[in-house]
PDB file of all heavy atoms in Angstrom:
ATOM      1  N   LEU A   1      -4.332  17.008  -2.447  1.00  0.00           N
ATOM      2  CA  LEU A   1      -5.432  16.505  -3.264  1.00  0.00           C
ATOM      3  C   LEU A   1      -6.347  17.646  -3.700  1.00  0.00           C
ATOM      4  O   LEU A   1      -6.406  18.692  -3.048  1.00  0.00           O
ATOM      5  CB  LEU A   1      -6.243  15.479  -2.466  1.00  0.00           C
ATOM      6  CG  LEU A   1      -5.494  14.216  -2.036  1.00  0.00           C
ATOM      7  CD1 LEU A   1      -6.366  13.376  -1.121  1.00  0.00           C
ATOM      8  CD2 LEU A   1      -5.051  13.417  -3.258  1.00  0.00           C
ATOM      9  N   PRO A   2      -7.087  17.483  -4.789  1.00  0.00           N
ATOM     10  CA  PRO A   2      -8.082  18.490  -5.205  1.00  0.00           C
ATOM     11  C   PRO A   2      -9.152  18.658  -4.123  1.00  0.00           C
ATOM     12  O   PRO A   2      -9.446  17.728  -3.363  1.00  0.00           O
ATOM     13  CB  PRO A   2      -8.669  17.894  -6.484  1.00  0.00           C
ATOM     14  CG  PRO A   2      -7.637  16.943  -6.977  1.00  0.00           C
ATOM     15  CD  PRO A   2      -6.969  16.380  -5.770  1.00  0.00           C
ATOM     16  N   ARG A   3      -9.742  19.817  -4.062  1.00  0.00           N
ATOM     17  CA  ARG A   3     -10.736  20.110  -3.022  1.00  0.00           C
ATOM     18  C   ARG A   3     -11.922  19.147  -3.075  1.00  0.00           C
ATOM     19  O   ARG A   3     -12.482  18.791  -2.043  1.00  0.00           O
ATOM     20  CB  ARG A   3     -11.230  21.550  -3.176  1.00  0.00           C
ATOM     21  CG  ARG A   3     -10.184  22.603  -2.842  1.00  0.00           C
ATOM     22  CD  ARG A   3     -10.765  23.994  -2.938  1.00  0.00           C
ATOM     23  NE  ARG A   3      -9.781  25.014  -2.596  1.00  0.00           N
ATOM     24  CZ  ARG A   3      -9.550  25.446  -1.358  1.00  0.00           C
ATOM     25  NH1 ARG A   3     -10.255  24.943  -0.351  1.00  0.00           N
ATOM     26  NH2 ARG A   3      -8.636  26.364  -1.115  1.00  0.00           N
ATOM     27  N   ALA A   4     -12.307  18.746  -4.260  1.00  0.00           N
ATOM     28  CA  ALA A   4     -13.474  17.862  -4.383  1.00  0.00           C
ATOM     29  C   ALA A   4     -13.204  16.475  -3.805  1.00  0.00           C
ATOM     30  O   ALA A   4     -14.135  15.772  -3.400  1.00  0.00           O
ATOM     31  CB  ALA A   4     -13.878  17.737  -5.851  1.00  0.00           C
ATOM     32  N   VAL A   5     -11.954  16.074  -3.727  1.00  0.00           N
ATOM     33  CA  VAL A   5     -11.603  14.731  -3.261  1.00  0.00           C
ATOM     34  C   VAL A   5     -11.348  14.707  -1.756  1.00  0.00           C
ATOM     35  O   VAL A   5     -11.464  13.657  -1.116  1.00  0.00           O
ATOM     36  CB  VAL A   5     -10.361  14.215  -4.026  1.00  0.00           C
ATOM     37  CG1 VAL A   5      -9.962  12.817  -3.566  1.00  0.00           C
ATOM     38  CG2 VAL A   5     -10.622  14.234  -5.524  1.00  0.00           C
ATOM     39  N   ARG A   6     -10.992  15.844  -1.178  1.00  0.00           N
ATOM     40  CA  ARG A   6     -10.569  15.879   0.229  1.00  0.00           C
ATOM     41  C   ARG A   6     -11.614  15.335   1.211  1.00  0.00           C
ATOM     42  O   ARG A   6     -11.246  14.604   2.136  1.00  0.00           O
ATOM     43  CB  ARG A   6     -10.191  17.308   0.614  1.00  0.00           C
ATOM     44  CG  ARG A   6      -8.929  17.800  -0.069  1.00  0.00           C
ATOM     45  CD  ARG A   6      -8.623  19.235   0.283  1.00  0.00           C
ATOM     46  NE  ARG A   6      -7.493  19.752  -0.494  1.00  0.00           N
ATOM     47  CZ  ARG A   6      -7.064  20.996  -0.429  1.00  0.00           C
ATOM     48  NH1 ARG A   6      -7.659  21.868   0.380  1.00  0.00           N
ATOM     49  NH2 ARG A   6      -6.045  21.377  -1.176  1.00  0.00           N
ATOM     50  N   PRO A   7     -12.909  15.656   1.076  1.00  0.00           N
ATOM     51  CA  PRO A   7     -13.882  15.104   2.036  1.00  0.00           C
ATOM     52  C   PRO A   7     -13.926  13.581   2.027  1.00  0.00           C
ATOM     53  O   PRO A   7     -14.121  12.963   3.079  1.00  0.00           O
ATOM     54  CB  PRO A   7     -15.211  15.708   1.572  1.00  0.00           C
ATOM     55  CG  PRO A   7     -14.835  16.947   0.838  1.00  0.00           C
ATOM     56  CD  PRO A   7     -13.547  16.632   0.165  1.00  0.00           C
ATOM     57  N   PHE A   8     -13.731  12.963   0.868  1.00  0.00           N
ATOM     58  CA  PHE A   8     -13.743  11.500   0.792  1.00  0.00           C
ATOM     59  C   PHE A   8     -12.441  10.916   1.348  1.00  0.00           C
ATOM     60  O   PHE A   8     -12.447   9.884   2.023  1.00  0.00           O
ATOM     61  CB  PHE A   8     -13.951  11.058  -0.657  1.00  0.00           C
ATOM     62  CG  PHE A   8     -15.216  11.575  -1.276  1.00  0.00           C
ATOM     63  CD1 PHE A   8     -15.208  12.718  -2.069  1.00  0.00           C
ATOM     64  CD2 PHE A   8     -16.432  10.940  -1.037  1.00  0.00           C
ATOM     65  CE1 PHE A   8     -16.382  13.204  -2.634  1.00  0.00           C
ATOM     66  CE2 PHE A   8     -17.609  11.418  -1.593  1.00  0.00           C
ATOM     67  CZ  PHE A   8     -17.587  12.563  -2.394  1.00  0.00           C
ATOM     68  N   ALA A   9     -11.331  11.583   1.082  1.00  0.00           N
ATOM     69  CA  ALA A   9     -10.042  11.114   1.603  1.00  0.00           C
ATOM     70  C   ALA A   9      -9.987  11.238   3.122  1.00  0.00           C
ATOM     71  O   ALA A   9      -9.300  10.450   3.793  1.00  0.00           O
ATOM     72  CB  ALA A   9      -8.899  11.906   0.973  1.00  0.00           C
ATOM     73  N   ALA A  10     -10.695  12.220   3.679  1.00  0.00           N
ATOM     74  CA  ALA A  10     -10.678  12.415   5.129  1.00  0.00           C
ATOM     75  C   ALA A  10     -11.205  11.191   5.875  1.00  0.00           C
ATOM     76  O   ALA A  10     -10.818  10.933   7.010  1.00  0.00           O
ATOM     77  CB  ALA A  10     -11.506  13.647   5.497  1.00  0.00           C
ATOM     78  N   GLN A  11     -12.080  10.416   5.240  1.00  0.00           N
ATOM     79  CA  GLN A  11     -12.628   9.219   5.866  1.00  0.00           C
ATOM     80  C   GLN A  11     -11.543   8.174   6.122  1.00  0.00           C
ATOM     81  O   GLN A  11     -11.666   7.356   7.036  1.00  0.00           O
ATOM     82  CB  GLN A  11     -13.732   8.629   4.977  1.00  0.00           C
ATOM     83  CG  GLN A  11     -14.370   7.358   5.498  1.00  0.00           C
ATOM     84  CD  GLN A  11     -15.226   7.577   6.728  1.00  0.00           C
ATOM     85  OE1 GLN A  11     -15.375   8.697   7.198  1.00  0.00           O
ATOM     86  NE2 GLN A  11     -15.784   6.505   7.266  1.00  0.00           N
ATOM     87  N   TRP A  12     -10.471   8.228   5.355  1.00  0.00           N
ATOM     88  CA  TRP A  12      -9.397   7.235   5.470  1.00  0.00           C
ATOM     89  C   TRP A  12      -8.209   7.751   6.287  1.00  0.00           C
ATOM     90  O   TRP A  12      -7.172   7.070   6.333  1.00  0.00           O
ATOM     91  CB  TRP A  12      -8.909   6.825   4.076  1.00  0.00           C
ATOM     92  CG  TRP A  12      -9.909   6.007   3.321  1.00  0.00           C
ATOM     93  CD1 TRP A  12     -11.087   5.501   3.788  1.00  0.00           C
ATOM     94  CD2 TRP A  12      -9.818   5.596   1.956  1.00  0.00           C
ATOM     95  NE1 TRP A  12     -11.751   4.809   2.814  1.00  0.00           N
ATOM     96  CE2 TRP A  12     -10.999   4.839   1.669  1.00  0.00           C
ATOM     97  CE3 TRP A  12      -8.888   5.776   0.950  1.00  0.00           C
ATOM     98  CZ2 TRP A  12     -11.246   4.282   0.420  1.00  0.00           C
ATOM     99  CZ3 TRP A  12      -9.126   5.219  -0.288  1.00  0.00           C
ATOM    100  CH2 TRP A  12     -10.291   4.482  -0.551  1.00  0.00           C
ATOM    101  N   VAL A  13      -8.318   8.908   6.884  1.00  0.00           N
ATOM    102  CA  VAL A  13      -7.212   9.449   7.684  1.00  0.00           C
ATOM    103  C   VAL A  13      -7.232   8.785   9.057  1.00  0.00           C
ATOM    104  O   VAL A  13      -7.981   9.179   9.953  1.00  0.00           O
ATOM    105  CB  VAL A  13      -7.316  10.983   7.813  1.00  0.00           C
ATOM    106  CG1 VAL A  13      -6.207  11.510   8.724  1.00  0.00           C
ATOM    107  CG2 VAL A  13      -7.230  11.635   6.450  1.00  0.00           C
ATOM    108  N   ILE A  14      -6.422   7.754   9.217  1.00  0.00           N
ATOM    109  CA  ILE A  14      -6.322   7.002  10.475  1.00  0.00           C
ATOM    110  C   ILE A  14      -4.846   6.709  10.745  1.00  0.00           C
ATOM    111  O   ILE A  14      -3.963   7.128   9.985  1.00  0.00           O
ATOM    112  CB  ILE A  14      -7.135   5.693  10.407  1.00  0.00           C
ATOM    113  CG1 ILE A  14      -6.717   4.863   9.191  1.00  0.00           C
ATOM    114  CG2 ILE A  14      -8.625   5.976  10.369  1.00  0.00           C
ATOM    115  CD1 ILE A  14      -7.392   3.520   9.104  1.00  0.00           C
ATOM    116  N   ASP A  15      -4.584   5.981  11.817  1.00  0.00           N
ATOM    117  CA  ASP A  15      -3.200   5.697  12.198  1.00  0.00           C
ATOM    118  C   ASP A  15      -2.424   4.995  11.089  1.00  0.00           C
ATOM    119  O   ASP A  15      -1.300   5.380  10.752  1.00  0.00           O
ATOM    120  CB  ASP A  15      -3.172   4.820  13.457  1.00  0.00           C
ATOM    121  CG  ASP A  15      -3.807   5.507  14.650  1.00  0.00           C
ATOM    122  OD1 ASP A  15      -3.744   6.735  14.720  1.00  0.00           O
ATOM    123  OD2 ASP A  15      -4.367   4.808  15.512  1.00  0.00           O
ATOM    124  N   GLU A  16      -3.019   3.936  10.525  1.00  0.00           N
ATOM    125  CA  GLU A  16      -2.291   3.092   9.584  1.00  0.00           C
ATOM    126  C   GLU A  16      -2.002   3.814   8.269  1.00  0.00           C
ATOM    127  O   GLU A  16      -0.884   3.735   7.742  1.00  0.00           O
ATOM    128  CB  GLU A  16      -3.093   1.805   9.314  1.00  0.00           C
ATOM    129  CG  GLU A  16      -3.192   0.875  10.505  1.00  0.00           C
ATOM    130  CD  GLU A  16      -4.185   1.350  11.551  1.00  0.00           C
ATOM    131  OE1 GLU A  16      -5.029   2.221  11.219  1.00  0.00           O
ATOM    132  OE2 GLU A  16      -4.121   0.862  12.699  1.00  0.00           O
ATOM    133  N   THR A  17      -2.994   4.509   7.715  1.00  0.00           N
ATOM    134  CA  THR A  17      -2.766   5.221   6.460  1.00  0.00           C
ATOM    135  C   THR A  17      -1.744   6.345   6.638  1.00  0.00           C
ATOM    136  O   THR A  17      -0.936   6.603   5.749  1.00  0.00           O
ATOM    137  CB  THR A  17      -4.078   5.805   5.917  1.00  0.00           C
ATOM    138  OG1 THR A  17      -4.682   6.634   6.919  1.00  0.00           O
ATOM    139  CG2 THR A  17      -5.049   4.698   5.544  1.00  0.00           C
ATOM    140  N   THR A  18      -1.797   6.994   7.795  1.00  0.00           N
ATOM    141  CA  THR A  18      -0.831   8.059   8.066  1.00  0.00           C
ATOM    142  C   THR A  18       0.585   7.509   8.173  1.00  0.00           C
ATOM    143  O   THR A  18       1.531   8.085   7.623  1.00  0.00           O
ATOM    144  CB  THR A  18      -1.198   8.784   9.363  1.00  0.00           C
ATOM    145  OG1 THR A  18      -2.524   9.317   9.259  1.00  0.00           O
ATOM    146  CG2 THR A  18      -0.230   9.928   9.645  1.00  0.00           C
ATOM    147  N   ALA A  19       0.743   6.388   8.866  1.00  0.00           N
ATOM    148  CA  ALA A  19       2.069   5.797   9.026  1.00  0.00           C
ATOM    149  C   ALA A  19       2.670   5.388   7.693  1.00  0.00           C
ATOM    150  O   ALA A  19       3.853   5.648   7.415  1.00  0.00           O
ATOM    151  CB  ALA A  19       1.987   4.593   9.966  1.00  0.00           C
ATOM    152  N   VAL A  20       1.877   4.750   6.841  1.00  0.00           N
ATOM    153  CA  VAL A  20       2.376   4.316   5.534  1.00  0.00           C
ATOM    154  C   VAL A  20       2.687   5.523   4.652  1.00  0.00           C
ATOM    155  O   VAL A  20       3.724   5.565   3.968  1.00  0.00           O
ATOM    156  CB  VAL A  20       1.355   3.394   4.846  1.00  0.00           C
ATOM    157  CG1 VAL A  20       1.790   3.082   3.417  1.00  0.00           C
ATOM    158  CG2 VAL A  20       1.196   2.096   5.640  1.00  0.00           C
ATOM    159  N   ALA A  21       1.820   6.522   4.659  1.00  0.00           N
ATOM    160  CA  ALA A  21       2.025   7.698   3.807  1.00  0.00           C
ATOM    161  C   ALA A  21       3.284   8.469   4.211  1.00  0.00           C
ATOM    162  O   ALA A  21       4.069   8.889   3.357  1.00  0.00           O
ATOM    163  CB  ALA A  21       0.802   8.606   3.873  1.00  0.00           C
ATOM    164  N   LEU A  22       3.496   8.654   5.507  1.00  0.00           N
ATOM    165  CA  LEU A  22       4.654   9.420   5.965  1.00  0.00           C
ATOM    166  C   LEU A  22       5.967   8.699   5.701  1.00  0.00           C
ATOM    167  O   LEU A  22       7.028   9.333   5.688  1.00  0.00           O
ATOM    168  CB  LEU A  22       4.527   9.710   7.460  1.00  0.00           C
ATOM    169  CG  LEU A  22       3.399  10.659   7.879  1.00  0.00           C
ATOM    170  CD1 LEU A  22       3.371  10.832   9.385  1.00  0.00           C
ATOM    171  CD2 LEU A  22       3.537  12.007   7.187  1.00  0.00           C
ATOM    172  N   ALA A  23       5.918   7.403   5.490  1.00  0.00           N
ATOM    173  CA  ALA A  23       7.144   6.644   5.242  1.00  0.00           C
ATOM    174  C   ALA A  23       7.596   6.712   3.786  1.00  0.00           C
ATOM    175  O   ALA A  23       8.680   6.219   3.453  1.00  0.00           O
ATOM    176  CB  ALA A  23       6.940   5.179   5.631  1.00  0.00           C
ATOM    177  N   GLN A  24       6.815   7.348   2.920  1.00  0.00           N
ATOM    178  CA  GLN A  24       7.140   7.388   1.490  1.00  0.00           C
ATOM    179  C   GLN A  24       8.000   8.617   1.174  1.00  0.00           C
ATOM    180  O   GLN A  24       7.763   9.699   1.706  1.00  0.00           O
ATOM    181  CB  GLN A  24       5.864   7.410   0.644  1.00  0.00           C
ATOM    182  CG  GLN A  24       4.885   6.302   0.980  1.00  0.00           C
ATOM    183  CD  GLN A  24       5.508   4.928   0.997  1.00  0.00           C
ATOM    184  OE1 GLN A  24       6.243   4.560   0.078  1.00  0.00           O
ATOM    185  NE2 GLN A  24       5.222   4.151   2.044  1.00  0.00           N
ATOM    186  N   PRO A  25       8.984   8.454   0.276  1.00  0.00           N
ATOM    187  CA  PRO A  25       9.909   9.567  -0.002  1.00  0.00           C
ATOM    188  C   PRO A  25       9.385  10.602  -0.995  1.00  0.00           C
ATOM    189  O   PRO A  25       9.871  11.730  -1.034  1.00  0.00           O
ATOM    190  CB  PRO A  25      11.146   8.850  -0.575  1.00  0.00           C
ATOM    191  CG  PRO A  25      10.587   7.603  -1.199  1.00  0.00           C
ATOM    192  CD  PRO A  25       9.409   7.206  -0.370  1.00  0.00           C
ATOM    193  N   THR A  26       8.412  10.229  -1.850  1.00  0.00           N
ATOM    194  CA  THR A  26       7.918  11.135  -2.879  1.00  0.00           C
ATOM    195  C   THR A  26       6.419  11.357  -2.719  1.00  0.00           C
ATOM    196  O   THR A  26       5.728  10.575  -2.056  1.00  0.00           O
ATOM    197  CB  THR A  26       8.187  10.562  -4.287  1.00  0.00           C
ATOM    198  OG1 THR A  26       7.458   9.330  -4.438  1.00  0.00           O
ATOM    199  CG2 THR A  26       9.674  10.292  -4.468  1.00  0.00           C
ATOM    200  N   ARG A  27       5.915  12.419  -3.335  1.00  0.00           N
ATOM    201  CA  ARG A  27       4.480  12.700  -3.270  1.00  0.00           C
ATOM    202  C   ARG A  27       3.678  11.598  -3.956  1.00  0.00           C
ATOM    203  O   ARG A  27       2.610  11.217  -3.466  1.00  0.00           O
ATOM    204  CB  ARG A  27       4.177  14.051  -3.908  1.00  0.00           C
ATOM    205  CG  ARG A  27       2.694  14.363  -4.018  1.00  0.00           C
ATOM    206  CD  ARG A  27       2.448  15.825  -4.265  1.00  0.00           C
ATOM    207  NE  ARG A  27       2.856  16.613  -3.106  1.00  0.00           N
ATOM    208  CZ  ARG A  27       2.853  17.951  -3.069  1.00  0.00           C
ATOM    209  NH1 ARG A  27       2.484  18.631  -4.131  1.00  0.00           N
ATOM    210  NH2 ARG A  27       3.235  18.584  -1.990  1.00  0.00           N
ATOM    211  N   ARG A  28       4.184  11.099  -5.046  1.00  0.00           N
ATOM    212  CA  ARG A  28       3.492   9.998  -5.719  1.00  0.00           C
ATOM    213  C   ARG A  28       3.425   8.777  -4.798  1.00  0.00           C
ATOM    214  O   ARG A  28       2.393   8.112  -4.706  1.00  0.00           O
ATOM    215  CB  ARG A  28       4.216   9.649  -7.027  1.00  0.00           C
ATOM    216  CG  ARG A  28       3.547   8.524  -7.813  1.00  0.00           C
ATOM    217  CD  ARG A  28       4.237   8.333  -9.167  1.00  0.00           C
ATOM    218  NE  ARG A  28       3.591   7.264  -9.930  1.00  0.00           N
ATOM    219  CZ  ARG A  28       3.919   5.986  -9.836  1.00  0.00           C
ATOM    220  NH1 ARG A  28       4.880   5.602  -8.985  1.00  0.00           N
ATOM    221  NH2 ARG A  28       3.298   5.074 -10.564  1.00  0.00           N
ATOM    222  N   GLY A  29       4.525   8.486  -4.105  1.00  0.00           N
ATOM    223  CA  GLY A  29       4.532   7.375  -3.168  1.00  0.00           C
ATOM    224  C   GLY A  29       3.581   7.593  -2.012  1.00  0.00           C
ATOM    225  O   GLY A  29       2.925   6.652  -1.541  1.00  0.00           O
ATOM    226  N   VAL A  30       3.504   8.841  -1.547  1.00  0.00           N
ATOM    227  CA  VAL A  30       2.578   9.164  -0.455  1.00  0.00           C
ATOM    228  C   VAL A  30       1.141   8.904  -0.884  1.00  0.00           C
ATOM    229  O   VAL A  30       0.353   8.292  -0.142  1.00  0.00           O
ATOM    230  CB  VAL A  30       2.753  10.628  -0.020  1.00  0.00           C
ATOM    231  CG1 VAL A  30       1.649  11.044   0.936  1.00  0.00           C
ATOM    232  CG2 VAL A  30       4.104  10.832   0.637  1.00  0.00           C
ATOM    233  N   ARG A  31       0.790   9.334  -2.079  1.00  0.00           N
ATOM    234  CA  ARG A  31      -0.579   9.140  -2.563  1.00  0.00           C
ATOM    235  C   ARG A  31      -0.905   7.662  -2.766  1.00  0.00           C
ATOM    236  O   ARG A  31      -1.991   7.198  -2.398  1.00  0.00           O
ATOM    237  CB  ARG A  31      -0.769   9.902  -3.876  1.00  0.00           C
ATOM    238  CG  ARG A  31      -0.804  11.423  -3.709  1.00  0.00           C
ATOM    239  CD  ARG A  31      -0.987  12.113  -5.035  1.00  0.00           C
ATOM    240  NE  ARG A  31      -1.175  13.552  -4.859  1.00  0.00           N
ATOM    241  CZ  ARG A  31      -1.317  14.410  -5.868  1.00  0.00           C
ATOM    242  NH1 ARG A  31      -1.309  13.954  -7.127  1.00  0.00           N
ATOM    243  NH2 ARG A  31      -1.486  15.694  -5.636  1.00  0.00           N
ATOM    244  N   ILE A  32       0.039   6.915  -3.334  1.00  0.00           N
ATOM    245  CA  ILE A  32      -0.200   5.477  -3.550  1.00  0.00           C
ATOM    246  C   ILE A  32      -0.319   4.759  -2.207  1.00  0.00           C
ATOM    247  O   ILE A  32      -1.221   3.935  -2.006  1.00  0.00           O
ATOM    248  CB  ILE A  32       0.925   4.872  -4.406  1.00  0.00           C
ATOM    249  CG1 ILE A  32       0.880   5.434  -5.818  1.00  0.00           C
ATOM    250  CG2 ILE A  32       0.822   3.350  -4.423  1.00  0.00           C
ATOM    251  CD1 ILE A  32       2.022   4.975  -6.707  1.00  0.00           C
ATOM    252  N   GLY A  33       0.599   5.038  -1.298  1.00  0.00           N
ATOM    253  CA  GLY A  33       0.557   4.381   0.007  1.00  0.00           C
ATOM    254  C   GLY A  33      -0.718   4.681   0.755  1.00  0.00           C
ATOM    255  O   GLY A  33      -1.335   3.779   1.344  1.00  0.00           O
ATOM    256  N   PHE A  34      -1.130   5.941   0.742  1.00  0.00           N
ATOM    257  CA  PHE A  34      -2.354   6.335   1.438  1.00  0.00           C
ATOM    258  C   PHE A  34      -3.578   5.666   0.814  1.00  0.00           C
ATOM    259  O   PHE A  34      -4.439   5.119   1.517  1.00  0.00           O
ATOM    260  CB  PHE A  34      -2.504   7.851   1.391  1.00  0.00           C
ATOM    261  CG  PHE A  34      -3.776   8.357   1.998  1.00  0.00           C
ATOM    262  CD1 PHE A  34      -3.881   8.550   3.369  1.00  0.00           C
ATOM    263  CD2 PHE A  34      -4.895   8.641   1.204  1.00  0.00           C
ATOM    264  CE1 PHE A  34      -5.060   9.015   3.941  1.00  0.00           C
ATOM    265  CE2 PHE A  34      -6.065   9.102   1.761  1.00  0.00           C
ATOM    266  CZ  PHE A  34      -6.152   9.293   3.139  1.00  0.00           C
ATOM    267  N   THR A  35      -3.658   5.680  -0.514  1.00  0.00           N
ATOM    268  CA  THR A  35      -4.833   5.138  -1.201  1.00  0.00           C
ATOM    269  C   THR A  35      -4.931   3.625  -1.057  1.00  0.00           C
ATOM    270  O   THR A  35      -6.007   3.093  -0.744  1.00  0.00           O
ATOM    271  CB  THR A  35      -4.796   5.516  -2.687  1.00  0.00           C
ATOM    272  OG1 THR A  35      -4.702   6.944  -2.817  1.00  0.00           O
ATOM    273  CG2 THR A  35      -6.035   5.025  -3.402  1.00  0.00           C
ATOM    274  N   VAL A  36      -3.841   2.928  -1.278  1.00  0.00           N
ATOM    275  CA  VAL A  36      -3.871   1.464  -1.209  1.00  0.00           C
ATOM    276  C   VAL A  36      -4.155   1.004   0.219  1.00  0.00           C
ATOM    277  O   VAL A  36      -4.972   0.096   0.439  1.00  0.00           O
ATOM    278  CB  VAL A  36      -2.536   0.879  -1.715  1.00  0.00           C
ATOM    279  CG1 VAL A  36      -2.485  -0.631  -1.478  1.00  0.00           C
ATOM    280  CG2 VAL A  36      -2.347   1.186  -3.196  1.00  0.00           C
ATOM    281  N   THR A  37      -3.509   1.624   1.190  1.00  0.00           N
ATOM    282  CA  THR A  37      -3.753   1.245   2.584  1.00  0.00           C
ATOM    283  C   THR A  37      -5.189   1.539   2.974  1.00  0.00           C
ATOM    284  O   THR A  37      -5.869   0.706   3.593  1.00  0.00           O
ATOM    285  CB  THR A  37      -2.802   1.997   3.532  1.00  0.00           C
ATOM    286  OG1 THR A  37      -1.455   1.781   3.127  1.00  0.00           O
ATOM    287  CG2 THR A  37      -2.974   1.518   4.967  1.00  0.00           C
ATOM    288  N   GLY A  38      -5.677   2.725   2.637  1.00  0.00           N
ATOM    289  CA  GLY A  38      -7.031   3.102   3.001  1.00  0.00           C
ATOM    290  C   GLY A  38      -8.077   2.218   2.357  1.00  0.00           C
ATOM    291  O   GLY A  38      -9.023   1.770   3.014  1.00  0.00           O
TER     292      GLY A  38
END
């Protein structure tokens, strides 16, 4: 993610968002999974 977005994204770094993001095969899928779950 861009540097300006990282502090806000850090608030959503938890077990569930990590599990969904790591299960995605592409970077686009990782971003969608992380954002929607968070």
